[in-house]
Protein backbone atom coordinates (compact mmCIF):
# COMPACT_ATOMS: atom_id res chain seq x y z
CA UNK A 1 177.92 152.79 130.48
CA UNK A 2 174.50 153.52 131.92
CA UNK A 3 172.62 150.94 134.21
CA UNK A 4 169.92 150.54 131.64
CA UNK A 5 172.40 149.94 128.96
CA UNK A 6 174.00 147.25 131.15
CA UNK A 7 170.83 145.68 131.83
CA UNK A 8 169.75 145.48 128.13
CA UNK A 9 173.19 143.96 127.19
CA UNK A 10 172.86 141.43 129.93
CA UNK A 11 169.39 140.43 128.84
CA UNK A 12 170.47 140.12 125.25
CA UNK A 13 173.12 137.66 126.32
CA UNK A 14 170.63 135.30 128.06
CA UNK A 15 167.59 135.86 125.75
CA UNK A 16 166.27 132.84 124.20
CA UNK A 17 167.25 132.85 120.58
CA UNK A 18 164.39 130.77 119.68
CA UNK A 19 161.89 133.23 121.17
CA UNK A 20 159.45 134.64 118.49
CA UNK A 21 159.97 137.96 116.82
CA UNK A 22 157.54 140.58 118.36
CA UNK A 23 156.65 141.95 115.00
CA UNK A 24 155.22 138.84 113.67
CA UNK A 25 151.72 139.87 114.48
CA UNK A 26 148.94 139.01 112.05
CA UNK A 27 146.30 141.31 113.62
CA UNK A 28 144.37 138.54 115.56
CA UNK A 29 146.75 135.71 116.59
CA UNK A 30 149.52 136.28 119.03
CA UNK A 31 150.61 132.49 119.04
CA UNK A 32 153.73 131.60 117.10
CA UNK A 33 154.93 128.26 118.18
CA UNK A 34 158.44 127.48 117.17
CA UNK A 35 158.61 124.10 115.46
CA UNK A 36 162.25 123.66 116.30
CA UNK A 37 161.60 123.68 120.02
CA UNK A 38 160.95 120.08 120.85
CA UNK A 39 161.91 117.41 123.31
CA UNK A 40 164.98 115.19 122.31
CA UNK A 41 163.34 111.88 121.17
CA UNK A 42 166.57 110.33 119.93
CA UNK A 43 166.27 106.64 120.86
CA UNK A 44 169.45 105.24 119.26
CA UNK A 45 170.92 102.22 121.13
CA UNK A 46 174.28 103.99 121.52
CA UNK A 47 173.49 107.72 121.87
CA UNK A 48 176.11 110.33 122.22
CA UNK A 49 176.11 112.15 125.43
CA UNK A 50 173.55 114.92 124.82
CA UNK A 51 171.51 116.81 127.29
CA UNK A 52 167.78 116.44 127.16
CA UNK A 53 167.70 120.21 127.54
CA UNK A 54 170.25 122.74 126.35
CA UNK A 55 170.89 125.94 128.23
CA UNK A 56 170.24 129.07 126.43
CA UNK A 57 173.93 129.98 126.15
CA UNK A 58 174.51 126.63 124.20
CA UNK A 59 171.31 126.81 122.28
CA UNK A 60 172.36 130.33 121.08
CA UNK A 61 175.78 129.26 120.04
CA UNK A 62 174.35 125.99 118.60
CA UNK A 63 176.90 124.13 120.67
CA UNK A 64 176.45 120.83 122.30
CA UNK A 65 175.36 121.04 125.92
CA UNK A 66 176.54 118.42 128.58
CA UNK A 67 173.38 119.48 130.74
CA UNK A 68 175.69 120.07 133.86
CA UNK A 69 173.94 121.58 136.80
CA UNK A 70 174.04 124.33 138.06
CA UNK A 71 176.48 125.17 135.14
CA UNK A 72 177.32 123.23 131.97
CA UNK A 73 180.85 122.93 130.90
CA UNK A 74 180.57 125.88 128.33
CA UNK A 75 179.08 128.29 130.85
CA UNK A 76 181.70 127.57 133.22
CA UNK A 77 184.42 128.30 130.78
CA UNK A 78 182.65 131.55 129.81
CA UNK A 79 182.04 132.39 133.33
CA UNK A 80 178.36 132.98 132.32
CA UNK A 81 175.14 132.38 133.95
CA UNK A 82 173.67 129.03 132.99
CA UNK A 83 169.75 129.20 132.37
CA UNK A 84 167.77 126.25 131.33
CA UNK A 85 164.43 126.68 129.72
CA UNK A 86 162.40 123.57 130.29
CA UNK A 87 160.51 122.36 127.08
CA UNK A 88 156.78 121.67 126.61
CA UNK A 89 155.54 125.11 127.75
CA UNK A 90 154.00 127.00 124.83
CA UNK A 91 153.40 130.59 125.34
CA UNK A 92 152.13 133.21 122.85
CA UNK A 93 154.22 136.17 121.88
CA UNK A 94 152.52 138.68 124.40
CA UNK A 95 153.25 136.23 127.34
CA UNK A 96 156.96 135.73 126.33
CA UNK A 97 157.31 139.62 125.96
CA UNK A 98 155.92 139.83 129.49
CA UNK A 99 158.20 137.23 131.03
CA UNK A 100 161.20 138.88 129.14
CA UNK A 101 160.29 142.14 130.57
CA UNK A 102 160.12 140.86 134.07
CA UNK A 103 163.51 139.54 133.71
CA UNK A 104 164.63 142.65 132.59
CA UNK A 105 162.98 144.61 135.50
CA UNK A 106 164.27 142.19 138.16
CA UNK A 107 167.85 142.80 136.69
CA UNK A 108 167.46 146.59 136.51
CA UNK A 109 166.03 146.66 140.11
CA UNK A 110 168.88 144.47 141.44
CA UNK A 111 171.61 146.77 139.79
CA UNK A 112 169.62 149.89 140.98
CA UNK A 113 169.60 148.75 144.58
CA UNK A 114 173.17 147.60 144.49
CA UNK A 115 173.94 150.98 143.32
CA UNK A 116 172.04 152.58 146.10
CA UNK A 117 173.76 150.57 148.68
CA UNK A 118 177.22 151.36 147.33
CA UNK A 119 176.41 155.15 147.28
CA UNK A 120 175.13 154.80 150.87
CA UNK A 121 178.08 153.02 151.91
CA UNK A 122 180.50 155.53 150.24
CA UNK A 123 178.56 158.26 152.21
CA UNK A 124 178.92 156.61 155.48
CA UNK A 125 182.53 155.93 154.91
CA UNK A 126 183.48 159.61 154.75
CA UNK A 127 184.49 160.81 158.32
CA UNK A 128 183.49 164.42 157.39
CA UNK A 129 180.07 163.68 156.46
CA UNK A 130 177.72 164.28 159.31
CA UNK A 131 174.29 164.19 157.51
CA UNK A 132 174.48 161.65 154.75
CA UNK A 133 171.49 160.19 152.79
CA UNK A 134 171.28 157.56 150.33
CA UNK A 135 172.48 159.96 147.74
CA UNK A 136 175.93 160.49 149.22
CA UNK A 137 177.44 163.65 150.57
CA UNK A 138 179.50 166.59 149.71
CA UNK A 139 182.77 164.55 150.16
CA UNK A 140 183.39 161.45 147.93
CA UNK A 141 185.33 158.23 149.18
CA UNK A 142 188.91 158.19 149.07
CA UNK A 143 189.29 155.30 146.65
CA UNK A 144 187.41 157.25 144.05
CA UNK A 145 190.04 160.04 144.03
CA UNK A 146 193.23 160.23 142.28
CA UNK A 147 196.47 160.12 144.25
CA UNK A 148 197.06 163.22 146.29
CA UNK A 149 193.59 164.77 145.29
CA UNK A 150 191.47 166.40 148.30
CA UNK A 151 188.55 164.52 149.63
CA UNK A 152 186.00 166.97 148.56
CA UNK A 153 184.65 168.94 145.48
CA UNK A 154 186.68 172.12 146.08
CA UNK A 155 188.86 171.60 143.20
CA UNK A 156 187.33 172.66 139.68
CA UNK A 157 189.75 170.98 137.40
CA UNK A 158 190.92 167.30 137.44
CA UNK A 159 188.51 166.33 140.31
CA UNK A 160 185.47 167.65 138.65
CA UNK A 161 186.01 165.87 135.47
CA UNK A 162 187.75 162.57 136.33
CA UNK A 163 186.43 161.99 139.92
CA UNK A 164 183.83 160.56 140.50
CA UNK A 165 183.49 158.68 137.38
CA UNK A 166 181.44 160.29 134.67
CA UNK A 167 178.42 158.02 135.33
CA UNK A 168 178.32 158.87 138.93
CA UNK A 169 178.77 162.47 138.27
CA UNK A 170 175.89 162.28 136.06
CA UNK A 171 173.84 160.89 138.83
CA UNK A 172 174.92 163.52 141.22
CA UNK A 173 174.01 166.06 138.66
CA UNK A 174 170.40 164.90 138.14
CA UNK A 175 170.02 164.22 141.76
CA UNK A 176 169.66 167.80 143.20
CA UNK A 177 169.29 166.21 146.87
CA UNK A 178 172.93 165.10 146.54
CA UNK A 179 174.32 168.67 145.92
CA UNK A 180 176.40 170.68 148.02
CA UNK A 181 174.51 173.19 150.10
CA UNK A 182 171.52 171.08 149.76
CA UNK A 183 172.39 167.38 150.83
CA UNK A 184 173.07 168.52 154.40
CA UNK A 185 169.59 170.00 154.70
CA UNK A 186 168.19 166.54 154.30
CA UNK A 187 168.20 164.53 157.59
CA UNK A 188 166.51 161.21 156.30
CA UNK A 189 166.97 159.06 153.29
CA UNK A 190 165.19 160.82 150.41
CA UNK A 191 165.25 159.81 146.83
CA UNK A 192 163.06 158.43 144.08
CA UNK A 193 163.41 154.71 145.57
CA UNK A 194 162.03 156.01 148.88
CA UNK A 195 158.88 157.49 147.10
CA UNK A 196 158.54 154.21 145.32
CA UNK A 197 158.58 152.21 148.40
CA UNK A 198 156.14 154.82 149.98
CA UNK A 199 153.62 154.19 147.15
CA UNK A 200 154.26 150.30 146.97
CA UNK A 201 153.26 149.99 150.75
CA UNK A 202 150.05 152.06 150.26
CA UNK A 203 146.74 150.27 150.92
CA UNK A 204 145.56 148.77 147.55
CA UNK A 205 142.97 150.46 145.73
CA UNK A 206 139.94 148.07 145.66
CA UNK A 207 136.86 149.63 143.78
CA UNK A 208 133.60 148.17 144.44
CA UNK A 209 131.14 148.05 141.55
CA UNK A 210 127.73 149.44 142.59
CA UNK A 211 124.76 147.37 141.83
CA UNK A 212 122.86 150.41 140.60
CA UNK A 213 124.45 153.38 138.77
CA UNK A 214 122.80 156.88 138.44
CA UNK A 215 122.88 157.84 134.69
CA UNK A 216 120.76 160.94 135.27
CA UNK A 217 123.70 163.21 134.66
CA UNK A 218 125.10 161.36 131.76
CA UNK A 219 124.67 164.38 129.41
CA UNK A 220 126.46 166.83 131.85
CA UNK A 221 129.37 164.52 132.53
CA UNK A 222 130.02 163.64 128.82
CA UNK A 223 129.86 167.45 128.00
CA UNK A 224 132.37 168.15 130.68
CA UNK A 225 134.56 165.32 129.41
CA UNK A 226 134.52 166.53 125.77
CA UNK A 227 135.13 170.33 126.91
CA UNK A 228 137.78 170.00 129.42
CA UNK A 229 139.12 166.39 129.78
CA UNK A 230 139.73 165.10 126.34
CA UNK A 231 141.93 167.94 125.53
CA UNK A 232 144.58 166.29 127.87
CA UNK A 233 144.88 163.09 126.15
CA UNK A 234 142.87 163.20 122.84
CA UNK A 235 142.26 159.54 123.04
CA UNK A 236 138.58 159.57 121.87
CA UNK A 237 137.64 159.51 118.03
CA UNK A 238 134.98 162.27 117.71
CA UNK A 239 133.50 160.24 114.56
CA UNK A 240 132.63 157.08 116.46
CA UNK A 241 131.81 158.23 120.02
CA UNK A 242 127.94 158.28 119.39
CA UNK A 243 128.09 154.63 118.06
CA UNK A 244 129.93 153.37 121.16
CA UNK A 245 127.68 155.20 123.38
CA UNK A 246 124.47 153.75 121.75
CA UNK A 247 125.94 150.15 121.79
CA UNK A 248 126.77 150.66 125.48
CA UNK A 249 123.28 152.06 126.33
CA UNK A 250 121.56 148.94 124.70
CA UNK A 251 123.50 146.62 127.30
CA UNK A 252 122.55 149.09 130.12
CA UNK A 253 126.42 149.74 130.43
CA UNK A 254 126.78 146.34 132.06
CA UNK A 255 129.03 144.38 129.49
CA UNK A 256 131.21 144.78 126.38
CA UNK A 257 133.99 146.90 125.43
CA UNK A 258 131.80 149.88 124.60
CA UNK A 259 130.34 149.99 128.12
CA UNK A 260 133.82 149.76 129.78
CA UNK A 261 134.83 152.73 127.41
CA UNK A 262 131.79 154.99 128.04
CA UNK A 263 131.95 154.32 131.84
CA UNK A 264 135.51 155.72 131.87
CA UNK A 265 134.51 158.58 129.94
CA UNK A 266 131.73 159.24 132.52
CA UNK A 267 134.22 158.72 135.50
CA UNK A 268 136.51 161.40 133.99
CA UNK A 269 133.51 163.78 133.12
CA UNK A 270 132.29 163.61 136.62
CA UNK A 271 135.74 164.20 138.20
CA UNK A 272 136.01 167.17 136.04
CA UNK A 273 132.54 168.53 136.80
CA UNK A 274 132.42 167.94 140.63
CA UNK A 275 136.04 169.27 141.14
CA UNK A 276 139.19 168.09 143.10
CA UNK A 277 139.08 165.20 145.55
CA UNK A 278 137.98 166.18 149.19
CA UNK A 279 141.12 165.18 151.09
CA UNK A 280 139.60 166.35 154.38
CA UNK A 281 136.83 163.65 154.16
CA UNK A 282 138.33 160.46 152.85
CA UNK A 283 135.28 158.53 153.65
CA UNK A 284 133.50 160.47 150.89
CA UNK A 285 133.41 158.71 147.69
CA UNK A 286 135.60 160.67 145.04
CA UNK A 287 133.56 162.19 142.05
CA UNK A 288 133.14 159.65 139.37
CA UNK A 289 134.13 156.61 141.41
CA UNK A 290 130.80 154.67 140.87
CA UNK A 291 131.56 154.68 137.04
CA UNK A 292 135.31 153.98 137.51
CA UNK A 293 134.54 150.97 139.63
CA UNK A 294 131.92 149.68 137.07
CA UNK A 295 134.41 150.06 134.14
CA UNK A 296 137.21 148.67 136.27
CA UNK A 297 135.18 145.47 136.67
CA UNK A 298 134.94 145.07 132.91
CA UNK A 299 138.51 146.04 132.23
CA UNK A 300 140.20 142.60 132.78
CA UNK A 301 138.36 140.78 130.19
CA UNK A 302 138.85 143.59 127.74
CA UNK A 303 142.72 143.75 128.20
CA UNK A 304 142.76 140.02 127.03
CA UNK A 305 141.43 141.20 123.61
CA UNK A 306 142.99 142.87 120.73
CA UNK A 307 140.38 145.59 120.54
CA UNK A 308 141.60 149.01 120.14
CA UNK A 309 139.06 149.89 122.94
CA UNK A 310 141.31 148.06 125.37
CA UNK A 311 144.06 150.50 124.88
CA UNK A 312 141.90 153.52 124.82
CA UNK A 313 140.32 152.25 128.39
CA UNK A 314 143.82 151.86 129.63
CA UNK A 315 144.78 155.44 128.79
CA UNK A 316 141.37 156.72 130.35
CA UNK A 317 141.92 154.47 133.30
CA UNK A 318 145.52 155.65 134.00
CA UNK A 319 144.24 159.25 133.81
CA UNK A 320 141.58 158.64 136.52
CA UNK A 321 144.03 156.79 138.77
CA UNK A 322 146.40 159.81 138.58
CA UNK A 323 143.33 161.94 139.42
CA UNK A 324 143.11 159.82 142.72
CA UNK A 325 146.76 160.47 142.96
CA UNK A 326 147.53 156.86 142.58
CA UNK A 327 150.66 156.79 140.46
CA UNK A 328 151.98 153.29 141.24
CA UNK A 329 148.60 151.77 140.14
CA UNK A 330 148.76 153.69 136.93
CA UNK A 331 152.14 152.57 136.20
CA UNK A 332 151.19 149.00 137.04
CA UNK A 333 148.12 149.21 134.60
CA UNK A 334 150.08 150.92 131.74
CA UNK A 335 152.96 148.20 132.08
CA UNK A 336 150.54 145.39 131.63
CA UNK A 337 148.96 146.89 128.56
CA UNK A 338 152.29 148.13 126.96
CA UNK A 339 153.33 144.53 125.60
CA UNK A 340 150.06 144.21 123.46
CA UNK A 341 150.57 147.69 122.20
CA UNK A 342 154.02 146.77 121.28
CA UNK A 343 152.72 143.78 119.38
CA UNK A 344 150.06 145.95 117.56
CA UNK A 345 152.36 148.67 116.38
CA UNK A 346 155.08 146.12 115.58
CA UNK A 347 153.20 145.28 112.34
CA UNK A 348 151.90 148.81 111.18
CA UNK A 349 150.65 147.32 107.92
CA UNK A 350 148.01 145.46 109.49
CA UNK A 351 146.43 148.63 111.08
CA UNK A 352 143.40 149.99 109.22
CA UNK A 353 143.88 153.46 107.77
CA UNK A 354 140.87 154.76 109.79
CA UNK A 355 142.68 153.67 113.00
CA UNK A 356 146.12 154.78 112.38
CA UNK A 357 145.58 158.14 113.81
CA UNK A 358 143.84 156.87 116.92
CA UNK A 359 146.67 154.36 117.42
CA UNK A 360 149.25 157.08 117.06
CA UNK A 361 147.55 159.18 119.85
CA UNK A 362 147.35 156.01 122.11
CA UNK A 363 151.00 155.48 121.39
CA UNK A 364 151.91 158.98 122.35
CA UNK A 365 149.72 158.87 125.62
CA UNK A 366 151.56 155.72 126.63
CA UNK A 367 154.96 157.46 126.15
CA UNK A 368 153.76 160.54 127.86
CA UNK A 369 152.25 158.73 131.02
CA UNK A 370 155.43 156.65 131.20
CA UNK A 371 157.63 159.58 131.31
CA UNK A 372 155.59 161.44 133.81
CA UNK A 373 155.98 158.53 136.16
CA UNK A 374 159.76 158.42 136.03
CA UNK A 375 159.95 160.13 139.23
CA UNK A 376 159.06 156.75 141.09
CA UNK A 377 162.18 155.13 139.57
CA UNK A 378 160.49 152.51 137.91
CA UNK A 379 161.87 150.54 135.04
CA UNK A 380 160.92 151.92 131.42
CA UNK A 381 159.11 149.75 128.99
CA UNK A 382 160.48 148.59 125.64
CA UNK A 383 158.23 150.97 123.63
CA UNK A 384 160.22 152.60 121.08
CA UNK A 385 160.71 156.11 121.70
CA UNK A 386 160.06 157.40 118.14
CA UNK A 387 156.83 157.33 116.48
CA UNK A 388 156.05 154.18 114.28
CA UNK A 389 156.48 154.34 110.77
CA UNK A 390 152.82 153.83 109.82
CA UNK A 391 151.76 156.89 111.66
CA UNK A 392 152.38 160.56 111.95
CA UNK A 393 155.30 162.07 113.62
CA UNK A 394 153.10 164.18 115.77
CA UNK A 395 149.35 163.58 116.59
CA UNK A 396 147.22 165.19 113.91
CA UNK A 397 143.54 165.84 113.03
CA UNK A 398 141.39 162.97 112.04
CA UNK A 399 140.67 162.84 108.40
CA UNK A 400 136.78 163.28 107.74
CA UNK A 401 137.00 161.39 104.31
CA UNK A 402 138.00 158.22 106.10
CA UNK A 403 134.66 158.21 108.09
CA UNK A 404 131.98 159.54 105.72
CA UNK A 405 130.34 161.69 108.19
CA UNK A 406 130.81 164.82 110.43
CA UNK A 407 132.51 164.63 113.77
CA UNK A 408 130.09 164.32 116.69
CA UNK A 409 132.41 166.50 118.93
CA UNK A 410 135.00 169.33 118.33
CA UNK A 411 138.22 167.78 117.30
CA UNK A 412 140.92 170.48 118.05
CA UNK A 413 142.23 168.52 120.93
CA UNK A 414 145.30 166.99 119.36
CA UNK A 415 146.76 170.41 119.30
CA UNK A 416 147.75 170.20 123.08
CA UNK A 417 148.88 166.55 122.83
CA UNK A 418 151.23 167.41 120.05
CA UNK A 419 152.59 170.33 122.11
CA UNK A 420 153.32 167.83 124.96
CA UNK A 421 154.87 165.41 122.48
CA UNK A 422 157.13 168.04 121.12
CA UNK A 423 158.26 169.17 124.56
CA UNK A 424 158.62 165.57 125.69
CA UNK A 425 161.22 165.03 122.78
CA UNK A 426 163.03 168.28 123.59
CA UNK A 427 163.28 167.19 127.31
CA UNK A 428 164.75 163.90 126.30
CA UNK A 429 167.47 165.73 124.68
CA UNK A 430 167.77 167.96 127.76
CA UNK A 431 168.32 165.00 129.94
CA UNK A 432 171.05 163.48 127.70
CA UNK A 433 173.02 166.51 127.00
CA UNK A 434 173.02 167.96 130.53
CA UNK A 435 173.79 164.77 132.22
CA UNK A 436 177.34 165.78 132.98
CA UNK A 437 179.54 168.77 133.88
CA UNK A 438 180.38 169.10 130.32
CA UNK A 439 177.11 170.76 129.92
CA UNK A 440 178.73 174.00 131.22
CA UNK A 441 181.13 173.86 128.44
CA UNK A 442 180.32 175.30 124.84
CA UNK A 443 177.04 175.98 123.52
CA UNK A 444 174.90 172.94 124.75
CA UNK A 445 172.74 175.09 127.03
CA UNK A 446 172.37 177.90 124.62
CA UNK A 447 171.30 175.52 121.71
CA UNK A 448 168.80 173.77 123.85
CA UNK A 449 167.45 177.09 125.27
CA UNK A 450 166.98 178.27 121.67
CA UNK A 451 164.80 175.25 120.80
CA UNK A 452 162.84 175.58 123.96
CA UNK A 453 162.27 179.21 122.91
CA UNK A 454 161.20 178.29 119.53
CA UNK A 455 158.78 175.90 121.06
CA UNK A 456 157.08 178.41 123.29
CA UNK A 457 159.10 181.62 124.10
CA UNK A 458 156.91 184.78 124.52
CA UNK A 459 154.20 183.44 122.10
CA UNK A 460 150.78 183.08 123.45
CA UNK A 461 150.89 179.30 122.88
CA UNK A 462 153.31 176.76 121.73
CA UNK A 463 154.57 176.91 117.95
CA UNK A 464 152.89 173.87 116.30
CA UNK A 465 153.30 174.44 112.51
CA UNK A 466 152.13 170.82 111.54
CA UNK A 467 148.68 171.61 112.79
CA UNK A 468 146.22 174.33 111.95
CA UNK A 469 145.48 177.07 114.75
CA UNK A 470 142.94 176.06 117.10
CA UNK A 471 139.34 177.21 116.49
CA UNK A 472 138.56 179.64 119.26
CA UNK A 473 140.17 180.00 122.80
CA UNK A 474 142.19 177.10 124.35
CA UNK A 475 141.35 175.84 127.77
CA UNK A 476 143.21 178.18 130.10
CA UNK A 477 144.36 175.52 132.49
CA UNK A 478 146.14 173.75 129.69
CA UNK A 479 147.74 176.81 128.77
CA UNK A 480 149.09 177.44 132.32
CA UNK A 481 150.19 173.92 132.40
CA UNK A 482 152.31 174.40 129.21
CA UNK A 483 153.67 177.71 130.28
CA UNK A 484 154.90 176.25 133.68
CA UNK A 485 156.27 173.20 131.81
CA UNK A 486 158.37 175.75 129.80
CA UNK A 487 159.86 177.05 133.05
CA UNK A 488 160.65 173.54 134.38
CA UNK A 489 162.44 172.73 131.19
CA UNK A 490 164.38 175.98 131.22
CA UNK A 491 165.44 175.14 134.84
CA UNK A 492 166.57 171.89 133.80
CA UNK A 493 168.58 173.19 131.02
CA UNK A 494 170.83 175.48 133.37
CA UNK A 495 170.89 173.30 136.25
CA UNK A 496 174.51 172.23 135.68
CA UNK A 497 175.59 175.79 136.14
CA UNK A 498 174.12 175.83 139.72
CA UNK A 499 175.76 172.54 140.46
CA UNK A 500 179.13 173.81 139.28
CA UNK A 501 178.88 176.91 141.36
CA UNK A 502 177.70 175.06 144.59
CA UNK A 503 180.41 172.57 144.02
CA UNK A 504 183.23 175.31 143.74
CA UNK A 505 182.24 178.28 145.94
CA UNK A 506 185.70 179.78 145.06
CA UNK A 507 184.35 180.73 141.76
CA UNK A 508 183.56 184.37 141.15
CA UNK A 509 180.70 185.31 138.98
CA UNK A 510 181.81 188.29 136.78
CA UNK A 511 179.16 191.09 136.31
CA UNK A 512 178.99 189.86 132.51
CA UNK A 513 179.66 186.07 132.08
CA UNK A 514 178.02 183.05 130.61
CA UNK A 515 178.12 181.27 134.04
CA UNK A 516 176.34 184.19 135.74
CA UNK A 517 173.75 184.56 133.03
CA UNK A 518 173.02 180.89 133.13
CA UNK A 519 172.64 180.68 136.78
CA UNK A 520 170.44 183.62 136.82
CA UNK A 521 168.30 182.02 134.15
CA UNK A 522 167.94 178.84 136.25
CA UNK A 523 167.21 180.66 139.45
CA UNK A 524 164.63 182.90 137.56
CA UNK A 525 162.88 179.76 136.25
CA UNK A 526 162.76 178.13 139.64
CA UNK A 527 161.03 181.27 141.11
CA UNK A 528 158.56 181.48 138.19
CA UNK A 529 157.56 177.80 138.88
CA UNK A 530 157.16 178.34 142.68
CA UNK A 531 155.31 181.67 142.07
CA UNK A 532 152.66 179.81 140.10
CA UNK A 533 152.71 176.45 141.81
CA UNK A 534 149.21 176.82 143.25
CA UNK A 535 147.96 177.08 139.65
CA UNK A 536 150.43 174.45 138.33
CA UNK A 537 149.04 171.82 140.86
CA UNK A 538 145.44 172.67 141.48
CA UNK A 539 144.22 173.54 138.12
CA UNK A 540 145.75 170.15 136.64
CA UNK A 541 143.70 167.25 138.30
CA UNK A 542 145.16 164.86 135.94
CA UNK A 543 148.70 165.87 136.44
CA UNK A 544 148.58 166.93 140.05
CA UNK A 545 151.13 164.35 141.39
CA UNK A 546 153.44 164.97 138.37
CA UNK A 547 153.28 168.83 138.83
CA UNK A 548 154.06 168.51 142.37
CA UNK A 549 157.19 166.34 141.82
CA UNK A 550 158.39 168.77 139.14
CA UNK A 551 158.47 171.72 141.68
CA UNK A 552 160.64 169.76 144.23
CA UNK A 553 163.99 170.46 142.42
CA UNK A 554 162.84 174.13 142.20
CA UNK A 555 162.38 174.27 145.88
CA UNK A 556 165.72 172.63 146.69
CA UNK A 557 167.74 174.75 144.23
CA UNK A 558 166.31 177.98 145.80
CA UNK A 559 167.37 176.60 149.24
CA UNK A 560 170.87 175.80 148.11
CA UNK A 561 171.26 178.96 146.25
CA UNK A 562 170.26 180.98 149.30
CA UNK A 563 173.13 179.61 151.21
CA UNK A 564 175.64 180.44 148.36
CA UNK A 565 177.57 183.57 148.73
CA UNK A 566 177.57 183.87 144.91
CA UNK A 567 174.27 182.56 144.03
CA UNK A 568 172.35 184.35 146.73
CA UNK A 569 173.11 187.69 145.06
CA UNK A 570 171.10 186.46 141.94
CA UNK A 571 167.96 185.62 143.93
CA UNK A 572 165.20 188.18 144.62
CA UNK A 573 165.01 189.88 147.97
CA UNK A 574 165.13 187.43 150.91
CA UNK A 575 161.75 188.31 152.14
CA UNK A 576 160.38 187.40 148.76
CA UNK A 577 162.02 184.13 148.27
CA UNK A 578 161.47 183.14 151.77
CA UNK A 579 157.81 183.79 151.20
CA UNK A 580 157.90 181.51 148.09
CA UNK A 581 159.53 178.75 149.86
CA UNK A 582 156.88 178.81 152.67
CA UNK A 583 153.98 178.93 150.50
CA UNK A 584 155.31 175.97 148.28
CA UNK A 585 155.88 173.98 151.33
CA UNK A 586 152.24 174.68 152.46
CA UNK A 587 151.05 173.44 149.09
CA UNK A 588 152.81 170.10 149.52
CA UNK A 589 151.54 169.80 152.95
CA UNK A 590 147.98 170.26 151.72
CA UNK A 591 148.63 167.76 149.15
CA UNK A 592 150.11 165.21 151.57
CA UNK A 593 147.15 163.45 152.52
CA UNK A 594 146.39 162.31 148.99
CA UNK A 595 149.53 160.13 148.64
CA UNK A 596 152.19 158.87 150.80
CA UNK A 597 154.97 159.95 148.58
CA UNK A 598 153.68 163.64 148.84
CA UNK A 599 153.60 163.31 152.54
CA UNK A 600 157.20 162.26 152.67
CA UNK A 601 158.17 165.18 150.40
CA UNK A 602 156.37 167.67 152.43
CA UNK A 603 157.93 166.54 155.59
CA UNK A 604 161.41 166.45 154.12
CA UNK A 605 161.03 170.02 152.78
CA UNK A 606 159.51 171.34 156.08
CA UNK A 607 162.54 170.01 158.04
CA UNK A 608 165.04 171.14 155.32
CA UNK A 609 163.56 174.74 155.31
CA UNK A 610 163.99 175.00 159.16
CA UNK A 611 167.62 173.76 158.91
CA UNK A 612 168.19 176.17 156.13
CA UNK A 613 166.97 179.09 158.32
CA UNK A 614 169.27 178.05 161.05
CA UNK A 615 172.16 177.83 158.80
CA UNK A 616 171.55 181.01 157.16
CA UNK A 617 171.20 182.90 160.49
CA UNK A 618 174.41 181.40 161.71
CA UNK A 619 176.27 182.39 158.49
């Protein structure tokens, strides 16, 4: 059973059965007080022994609670955690959802850290492990092995499938850092929790709103936004943009939801027009920061409302935070807005027809942003991973008949968003189906690769039959991003075969075999990713951090394969992949000043490459 599944089941046990259902949203009022929830006012002269406040377990079972502290009699018999919810506190549905989610996050983090401690202890307990990390080592602890089994991964039969347990094997499969031939290159703790800690300890971003804003370049920045930025998220309705801008300008961009919205658009447009952040001069204000700071000051008030602009501003703000390479702040903002988004989408009948497509795009942007931040090992939200029934399966074009006017800007932008959504759905299946070593058995990888090829393959652009072809050429940067994402997904499909060979070096790769072809496909994809890494990272300012982290596995896989007698034969010439590795590490080192997590990655990869070269020379 997965960690998240265990956390969800535990949360379901202790959840207040009287809590309001999230879907009971009437479009305006989130308050849904429960009339049954009241203090015990029974004043009988000879009252039965009854607790003033029943615990959640007794309340859920509709049993009498004796009010025992710290645990009542029933909870003691069930050996369950006894939680008392004090009466008299009235919370709206959004607040209760936030509290419930915080409890879930706390439980998830506690279980996750316990798992990390267990893995670290297991790695330290193995006497043959001289270079262990939080992710373990090549040898597994004795207690995890069956009687008489060797304490390593050299056996390909029973040990591989029975020990470690399937869940642990899945963790090893996904964590390339823990693979044989790779883990001993890493000399310091290095995993997603370490990256999260690095970002968490970072100095807090504190935008200072300027008393005077320069609006002389508004037209230039707005054109840059609609030409180059909106294609990445498609979160602006081209039919109502002019009305929002006029309303904001009447208030001199100082108040109201429209002002906040327009200021975020100006910030992203300026960021695109002025170019990347000047990392060499941190004292220089990033492009668009004056507009972002002004919008940031208006955002808290806007987030308390139910206006759709609040969700649009959240998406735009997250994109600018990722432009600043602030992934933790982006996740924090997104997490605070998701409960309200859940309430709105929970009752789709209340969404007006002219807003359904825009809500659909906001929903998919939230899903894609959350999935792109998964490398921080942060808890996932409760957003359903399937599209709400009231909206389209994929982002689509706005319907002109709903607005009675022509669009004020071009609306080909959902095409790219739809391509990302389709790839995201496929990647979800890749993660699930390649989680264990059984992914090397049967047609799993072949079927996934067929679906990926249908999505992109050798075509000039992804296959989106639900949308009409774009009018005119697409942004070349977005096409490069999609193409590299294709190689990233292809590498993930065939990763289990690399793991199998690194685990059992006694395997022989026949000239014509499924395993050999699959390993070649994975290594070829990794090489393609790193060959275009400079374009993948530098041409995508809104995905710079995510793009860099997607390439870490490619670097480590090539490092490990170069040390394998079998896999090294499938790599390009040594001079070629050595150059690729060196150039990739230099790119990470150049990105390092933009975020402490990238600095840690660059340091780890540099030390690993030096260690790899030493071991290759000795071999």
